[in-house]
Amino acid sequence: MSALFVNESIDFNSLKELLGVTDGNLASHIKALEKMNYIKVNKQFIGKKPNTRYRCSSEGKIAFKKHIEALENLINNT
């Protein structure tokens, strides 16, 4: 989520490379985030090659901010 939060959008291969995960691992995480409406998916073709891009939804941004705040509170209260 942090990569999606700080970028307007990011494509599947760039996200996979950034995170150092397999196609299947990333796909399962993306599916879970999409199911929660935390991300938006845009599929298109560049020439004849498929390209899938992801971006944070408004709901995803709110949830991520709450998550970061909870982590900061945990750290500050320890």
N, C-alpha and C. Protein backbone atom coordinates (compact mmCIF):
# COMPACT_ATOMS: atom_id res chain seq x y z
N MET A 1 0.82 -1.19 0.00
CA MET A 1 0.00 0.00 0.00
C MET A 1 0.86 1.25 0.00
N SER A 2 2.01 1.20 0.65
CA SER A 2 2.84 2.40 0.71
C SER A 2 3.30 2.83 -0.68
N ALA A 3 3.63 1.87 -1.54
CA ALA A 3 4.05 2.21 -2.90
C ALA A 3 2.90 2.84 -3.68
N LEU A 4 1.71 2.35 -3.46
CA LEU A 4 0.54 2.90 -4.14
C LEU A 4 0.16 4.25 -3.54
N PHE A 5 0.38 4.42 -2.26
CA PHE A 5 0.02 5.64 -1.57
C PHE A 5 0.85 6.83 -2.06
N VAL A 6 2.13 6.60 -2.32
CA VAL A 6 3.03 7.70 -2.69
C VAL A 6 3.16 7.90 -4.20
N ASN A 7 2.59 7.01 -4.99
CA ASN A 7 2.62 7.15 -6.45
C ASN A 7 1.20 7.31 -6.97
N GLU A 8 1.04 8.10 -8.01
CA GLU A 8 -0.29 8.26 -8.60
C GLU A 8 -0.82 6.92 -9.06
N SER A 9 0.04 6.16 -9.73
CA SER A 9 -0.28 4.78 -10.13
C SER A 9 1.04 4.06 -10.38
N ILE A 10 0.94 2.74 -10.41
CA ILE A 10 2.13 1.92 -10.65
C ILE A 10 1.70 0.65 -11.36
N ASP A 11 2.51 0.19 -12.32
CA ASP A 11 2.13 -1.00 -13.08
C ASP A 11 2.59 -2.27 -12.35
N PHE A 12 2.01 -3.39 -12.77
CA PHE A 12 2.23 -4.68 -12.11
C PHE A 12 3.72 -5.02 -12.04
N ASN A 13 4.42 -4.93 -13.16
CA ASN A 13 5.83 -5.34 -13.18
C ASN A 13 6.70 -4.45 -12.30
N SER A 14 6.43 -3.15 -12.29
CA SER A 14 7.20 -2.24 -11.44
C SER A 14 6.94 -2.53 -9.97
N LEU A 15 5.68 -2.78 -9.62
CA LEU A 15 5.32 -3.10 -8.25
C LEU A 15 5.96 -4.43 -7.82
N LYS A 16 5.93 -5.41 -8.71
CA LYS A 16 6.54 -6.72 -8.43
C LYS A 16 8.04 -6.57 -8.18
N GLU A 17 8.71 -5.79 -9.02
CA GLU A 17 10.14 -5.58 -8.87
C GLU A 17 10.46 -4.82 -7.58
N LEU A 18 9.68 -3.80 -7.30
CA LEU A 18 9.89 -3.00 -6.09
C LEU A 18 9.76 -3.84 -4.83
N LEU A 19 8.77 -4.73 -4.81
CA LEU A 19 8.51 -5.54 -3.63
C LEU A 19 9.32 -6.83 -3.58
N GLY A 20 9.85 -7.24 -4.72
CA GLY A 20 10.64 -8.47 -4.78
C GLY A 20 9.81 -9.71 -4.52
N VAL A 21 8.62 -9.76 -5.12
CA VAL A 21 7.72 -10.90 -4.93
C VAL A 21 7.44 -11.58 -6.26
N THR A 22 6.83 -12.74 -6.19
CA THR A 22 6.47 -13.47 -7.41
C THR A 22 5.16 -12.92 -7.98
N ASP A 23 4.88 -13.28 -9.23
CA ASP A 23 3.63 -12.88 -9.87
C ASP A 23 2.42 -13.33 -9.04
N GLY A 24 2.43 -14.61 -8.66
CA GLY A 24 1.31 -15.17 -7.92
C GLY A 24 1.11 -14.52 -6.55
N ASN A 25 2.22 -14.26 -5.87
CA ASN A 25 2.15 -13.64 -4.55
C ASN A 25 1.55 -12.24 -4.67
N LEU A 26 2.06 -11.46 -5.61
CA LEU A 26 1.54 -10.10 -5.81
C LEU A 26 0.08 -10.14 -6.23
N ALA A 27 -0.26 -11.03 -7.13
CA ALA A 27 -1.64 -11.12 -7.61
C ALA A 27 -2.61 -11.42 -6.48
N SER A 28 -2.22 -12.28 -5.54
CA SER A 28 -3.12 -12.60 -4.43
C SER A 28 -3.29 -11.41 -3.50
N HIS A 29 -2.24 -10.67 -3.27
CA HIS A 29 -2.35 -9.47 -2.43
C HIS A 29 -3.17 -8.39 -3.12
N ILE A 30 -2.94 -8.22 -4.41
CA ILE A 30 -3.71 -7.24 -5.18
C ILE A 30 -5.20 -7.59 -5.14
N LYS A 31 -5.50 -8.86 -5.30
CA LYS A 31 -6.89 -9.31 -5.28
C LYS A 31 -7.55 -8.98 -3.95
N ALA A 32 -6.84 -9.19 -2.85
CA ALA A 32 -7.38 -8.89 -1.52
C ALA A 32 -7.61 -7.39 -1.35
N LEU A 33 -6.66 -6.58 -1.81
CA LEU A 33 -6.81 -5.13 -1.70
C LEU A 33 -7.95 -4.62 -2.58
N GLU A 34 -8.10 -5.22 -3.75
CA GLU A 34 -9.18 -4.84 -4.65
C GLU A 34 -10.53 -5.22 -4.05
N LYS A 35 -10.61 -6.38 -3.43
CA LYS A 35 -11.85 -6.84 -2.81
C LYS A 35 -12.29 -5.89 -1.69
N MET A 36 -11.33 -5.31 -0.98
CA MET A 36 -11.63 -4.36 0.09
C MET A 36 -11.89 -2.95 -0.45
N ASN A 37 -11.80 -2.78 -1.77
CA ASN A 37 -11.95 -1.47 -2.42
C ASN A 37 -10.87 -0.48 -2.00
N TYR A 38 -9.68 -0.99 -1.68
CA TYR A 38 -8.56 -0.14 -1.29
C TYR A 38 -7.76 0.32 -2.51
N ILE A 39 -7.90 -0.40 -3.63
CA ILE A 39 -7.17 -0.02 -4.84
C ILE A 39 -8.12 -0.06 -6.03
N LYS A 40 -7.71 0.67 -7.06
CA LYS A 40 -8.41 0.67 -8.35
C LYS A 40 -7.47 0.06 -9.38
N VAL A 41 -8.03 -0.73 -10.27
CA VAL A 41 -7.24 -1.43 -11.28
C VAL A 41 -7.61 -0.91 -12.66
N ASN A 42 -6.60 -0.61 -13.46
CA ASN A 42 -6.82 -0.16 -14.83
C ASN A 42 -6.03 -1.07 -15.77
N LYS A 43 -6.75 -1.83 -16.59
CA LYS A 43 -6.11 -2.74 -17.55
C LYS A 43 -6.22 -2.13 -18.94
N GLN A 44 -5.11 -2.16 -19.67
CA GLN A 44 -5.08 -1.62 -21.02
C GLN A 44 -4.01 -2.35 -21.82
N PHE A 45 -3.94 -2.03 -23.08
CA PHE A 45 -2.88 -2.58 -23.93
C PHE A 45 -1.98 -1.45 -24.38
N ILE A 46 -0.69 -1.70 -24.33
CA ILE A 46 0.29 -0.79 -24.90
C ILE A 46 0.85 -1.53 -26.10
N GLY A 47 0.43 -1.10 -27.28
CA GLY A 47 0.69 -1.87 -28.49
C GLY A 47 -0.13 -3.14 -28.39
N LYS A 48 0.51 -4.27 -28.45
CA LYS A 48 -0.19 -5.56 -28.30
C LYS A 48 0.09 -6.20 -26.94
N LYS A 49 0.74 -5.45 -26.06
CA LYS A 49 1.14 -6.00 -24.77
C LYS A 49 0.20 -5.49 -23.67
N PRO A 50 -0.33 -6.41 -22.85
CA PRO A 50 -1.21 -5.98 -21.75
C PRO A 50 -0.43 -5.21 -20.69
N ASN A 51 -1.09 -4.22 -20.10
CA ASN A 51 -0.49 -3.43 -19.04
C ASN A 51 -1.55 -3.19 -17.98
N THR A 52 -1.25 -3.56 -16.75
CA THR A 52 -2.18 -3.37 -15.64
C THR A 52 -1.56 -2.39 -14.66
N ARG A 53 -2.31 -1.34 -14.34
CA ARG A 53 -1.86 -0.30 -13.41
C ARG A 53 -2.79 -0.27 -12.21
N TYR A 54 -2.22 0.09 -11.08
CA TYR A 54 -2.96 0.15 -9.83
C TYR A 54 -2.80 1.54 -9.22
N ARG A 55 -3.84 1.97 -8.51
CA ARG A 55 -3.76 3.21 -7.75
C ARG A 55 -4.60 3.06 -6.49
N CYS A 56 -4.29 3.85 -5.49
CA CYS A 56 -5.05 3.85 -4.24
C CYS A 56 -6.41 4.48 -4.47
N SER A 57 -7.43 3.88 -3.91
CA SER A 57 -8.75 4.50 -3.92
C SER A 57 -8.83 5.45 -2.73
N SER A 58 -9.88 6.24 -2.67
CA SER A 58 -10.08 7.13 -1.52
C SER A 58 -10.19 6.32 -0.24
N GLU A 59 -10.93 5.21 -0.32
CA GLU A 59 -11.06 4.33 0.85
C GLU A 59 -9.71 3.76 1.26
N GLY A 60 -8.90 3.40 0.29
CA GLY A 60 -7.58 2.85 0.57
C GLY A 60 -6.67 3.86 1.24
N LYS A 61 -6.74 5.11 0.79
CA LYS A 61 -5.91 6.16 1.40
C LYS A 61 -6.31 6.39 2.85
N ILE A 62 -7.61 6.41 3.12
CA ILE A 62 -8.09 6.60 4.49
C ILE A 62 -7.64 5.43 5.37
N ALA A 63 -7.81 4.21 4.88
CA ALA A 63 -7.42 3.02 5.65
C ALA A 63 -5.92 2.99 5.90
N PHE A 64 -5.13 3.37 4.90
CA PHE A 64 -3.67 3.35 5.06
C PHE A 64 -3.24 4.40 6.08
N LYS A 65 -3.83 5.59 6.02
CA LYS A 65 -3.50 6.64 7.00
C LYS A 65 -3.83 6.17 8.41
N LYS A 66 -4.98 5.52 8.58
CA LYS A 66 -5.36 5.00 9.90
C LYS A 66 -4.37 3.94 10.37
N HIS A 67 -3.92 3.10 9.46
CA HIS A 67 -2.94 2.06 9.79
C HIS A 67 -1.63 2.69 10.25
N ILE A 68 -1.15 3.69 9.54
CA ILE A 68 0.09 4.38 9.90
C ILE A 68 -0.06 5.06 11.26
N GLU A 69 -1.20 5.70 11.48
CA GLU A 69 -1.45 6.35 12.77
C GLU A 69 -1.44 5.34 13.91
N ALA A 70 -2.03 4.17 13.68
CA ALA A 70 -2.04 3.12 14.71
C ALA A 70 -0.63 2.63 15.01
N LEU A 71 0.18 2.47 13.98
CA LEU A 71 1.58 2.06 14.17
C LEU A 71 2.36 3.12 14.95
N GLU A 72 2.14 4.40 14.60
CA GLU A 72 2.83 5.48 15.29
C GLU A 72 2.41 5.53 16.76
N ASN A 73 1.13 5.34 17.03
CA ASN A 73 0.65 5.31 18.42
C ASN A 73 1.27 4.16 19.19
N LEU A 74 1.37 3.01 18.56
CA LEU A 74 2.00 1.85 19.19
C LEU A 74 3.45 2.14 19.54
N ILE A 75 4.17 2.73 18.60
CA ILE A 75 5.59 3.06 18.83
C ILE A 75 5.73 4.11 19.93
N ASN A 76 4.90 5.13 19.89
CA ASN A 76 5.02 6.23 20.86
C ASN A 76 4.58 5.83 22.26
N ASN A 77 3.76 4.82 22.38
CA ASN A 77 3.28 4.40 23.70
C ASN A 77 4.06 3.22 24.27
N THR A 78 5.12 2.84 23.60
CA THR A 78 5.91 1.70 24.07
C THR A 78 7.12 2.18 24.84
